[in-house]
Structures are given as C-alpha cells and as structure tokens.
Amino acid sequence: QVTLVESGGGLVQPGGSLRLSCAASGSRFSLYTMAWFRQAPGKQRELVASITSSGYTNYIDSVKGRFTLSRDNAKNTVSLQMNSLKPEDTAVYYCNAKYGGGVLNYWGQGTQVTVSS
C-alpha cells in the first residue's frame, strides 16, 4: 500500500512558477513509475509528465520546456517544477504511482493550481 500526499498548489499569475511535491509512504518507492496528471473543469484527466524507476521522463507536448519532473528516491518524493505557467494549466493536479503496468496503481488527493491575473 502506498499513500501519496501532494502539496504546492495555489494561485499564480500567468508567467509565474509553482513547484508541486508528492510525498509517498510505503516501501519500494524507487520501483514505481511516478506521474502527475491534471483535470480541468469539464475535461478528462490527462497525463502531464511521468518518470520511470530508472529516471526516464516523458511530458505532454503542451508542457515541454516549461515543466520539469524529478524524483528523490532517498526521500520518497517526486516534484514537478512548473515555469511560464499559462491559464490553460489551471486544473487539479494529481500524483500517481504505478507498478507492474498498473497492477498496483495509487492516487493522491489532488492539489489545485490556478493560473489567473
């Protein structure tokens, strides 16, 4: 069992930055693929970025060059640095941990990110 707790959301002006963090409890954190998803009002949840156990990262096109995902296996944390934020980045952001192709799949409670002037 893995429990995920997100932090770092909030209100920011366009062009600003936020750093989301996800702290994981439980063992074998380093074996999980970690990811951030987001869901805007009236839209489906979408994958924003992921990082494998070996550190390979993947991003959706709309955030490439603006967002950076990293993990610290010693601290059981994963962080999403978000720069040059746009209003369309507004959403609830969810941390996800997946292992074994989804055999084990855990979600955090979500954190709101609002980009507005």
Protein backbone atom coordinates (compact mmCIF):
# COMPACT_ATOMS: atom_id res chain seq x y z
CA GLN A 1 0.00 0.00 0.00
CA VAL A 2 1.25 3.49 -0.95
CA THR A 3 -0.18 6.77 0.28
CA LEU A 4 0.52 9.89 -1.75
CA VAL A 5 0.24 13.42 -0.39
CA GLU A 6 0.54 16.39 -2.75
CA SER A 7 1.49 19.93 -1.83
CA GLY A 8 2.48 23.16 -3.50
CA GLY A 9 -0.61 24.16 -5.42
CA GLY A 10 -2.06 27.64 -5.37
CA LEU A 11 -2.88 30.77 -7.32
CA VAL A 12 -0.26 32.26 -9.61
CA GLN A 13 -0.24 34.88 -12.34
CA PRO A 14 0.43 33.94 -15.94
CA GLY A 15 4.15 33.55 -16.49
CA GLY A 16 4.74 32.60 -12.89
CA SER A 17 6.06 29.41 -11.35
CA LEU A 18 4.94 26.76 -8.91
CA ARG A 19 6.55 23.63 -7.58
CA LEU A 20 4.34 20.66 -6.77
CA SER A 21 5.61 17.96 -4.46
CA CYS A 22 4.32 14.48 -3.79
CA ALA A 23 5.41 12.56 -0.72
CA ALA A 24 4.93 8.81 -0.76
CA SER A 25 4.67 6.47 2.17
CA GLY A 26 5.31 2.78 1.91
CA SER A 27 8.20 0.71 0.72
CA ARG A 28 9.80 0.19 -2.66
CA PHE A 29 9.11 3.73 -3.85
CA SER A 30 12.07 3.53 -6.23
CA LEU A 31 10.38 0.74 -8.17
CA TYR A 32 7.30 2.77 -9.06
CA THR A 33 6.73 4.86 -12.15
CA MET A 34 5.60 8.21 -10.80
CA ALA A 35 3.46 10.66 -12.69
CA TRP A 36 1.45 13.84 -12.47
CA PHE A 37 -1.99 14.04 -14.03
CA ARG A 38 -4.32 17.00 -14.19
CA GLN A 39 -8.01 17.52 -14.63
CA ALA A 40 -9.57 20.81 -15.63
CA PRO A 41 -13.29 21.51 -15.13
CA GLY A 42 -15.35 19.69 -17.72
CA LYS A 43 -12.37 17.84 -19.13
CA GLN A 44 -10.92 14.38 -18.79
CA ARG A 45 -7.95 13.69 -16.59
CA GLU A 46 -4.75 13.80 -18.62
CA LEU A 47 -1.20 12.68 -18.07
CA VAL A 48 1.15 15.65 -17.72
CA ALA A 49 4.51 14.01 -17.04
CA SER A 50 5.94 10.72 -15.86
CA ILE A 51 9.25 9.41 -14.59
CA THR A 52 10.25 5.76 -14.53
CA SER A 53 12.16 3.95 -11.84
CA SER A 54 15.30 4.48 -13.90
CA GLY A 55 14.68 8.20 -14.22
CA TYR A 56 13.38 8.39 -17.78
CA THR A 57 10.94 11.28 -18.14
CA ASN A 58 8.13 11.93 -20.54
CA TYR A 59 5.99 15.06 -21.00
CA ILE A 60 2.95 16.04 -22.95
CA ASP A 61 3.74 18.49 -25.73
CA SER A 62 1.96 21.43 -24.12
CA VAL A 63 4.31 21.47 -21.11
CA LYS A 64 7.62 20.54 -22.73
CA GLY A 65 10.26 23.12 -21.98
CA ARG A 66 8.18 24.59 -19.14
CA PHE A 67 7.72 21.73 -16.67
CA THR A 68 10.41 19.55 -15.13
CA LEU A 69 9.70 16.33 -13.27
CA SER A 70 12.21 14.86 -10.83
CA ARG A 71 12.30 12.24 -8.10
CA ASP A 72 14.31 11.69 -4.94
CA ASN A 73 14.21 8.03 -4.05
CA ALA A 74 16.03 8.61 -0.77
CA LYS A 75 13.22 10.90 0.38
CA ASN A 76 10.34 9.12 -1.36
CA THR A 77 9.33 12.29 -3.15
CA VAL A 78 8.59 13.43 -6.66
CA SER A 79 8.44 17.08 -7.71
CA LEU A 80 7.03 18.95 -10.65
CA GLN A 81 8.61 22.33 -11.31
CA MET A 82 6.22 24.39 -13.41
CA ASN A 83 7.50 27.55 -15.08
CA SER A 84 5.95 30.00 -17.51
CA LEU A 85 2.52 28.98 -16.37
CA LYS A 86 -0.46 29.68 -18.59
CA PRO A 87 -4.18 29.98 -17.80
CA GLU A 88 -4.72 26.68 -19.61
CA ASP A 89 -2.55 24.97 -16.98
CA THR A 90 -5.33 25.60 -14.46
CA ALA A 91 -6.50 22.26 -13.10
CA VAL A 92 -6.43 19.91 -10.16
CA TYR A 93 -3.11 18.11 -10.27
CA TYR A 94 -2.87 14.52 -9.07
CA CYS A 95 0.16 12.48 -8.13
CA ASN A 96 0.15 8.87 -9.32
CA ALA A 97 2.28 5.83 -8.51
CA LYS A 98 2.16 2.79 -10.76
CA TYR A 99 3.91 -0.55 -10.69
CA GLY A 100 3.77 -3.60 -12.86
CA GLY A 101 1.95 -1.98 -15.74
CA GLY A 102 -0.85 -0.88 -13.46
CA VAL A 103 -1.21 -3.94 -11.28
CA LEU A 104 -0.57 -1.53 -8.43
CA ASN A 105 -1.92 1.97 -9.01
CA TYR A 106 -2.27 4.71 -6.39
CA TRP A 107 -3.53 8.30 -6.44
CA GLY A 108 -3.11 11.31 -4.27
CA GLN A 109 -5.99 13.55 -3.25
CA GLY A 110 -5.09 16.31 -5.70
CA THR A 111 -3.93 19.89 -5.40
CA GLN A 112 -5.47 22.89 -7.14
CA VAL A 113 -3.38 25.01 -9.48
CA THR A 114 -4.97 28.23 -10.72
CA VAL A 115 -3.24 30.48 -13.21
CA SER A 116 -5.00 33.81 -13.44
CA SER A 117 -4.34 37.51 -13.38
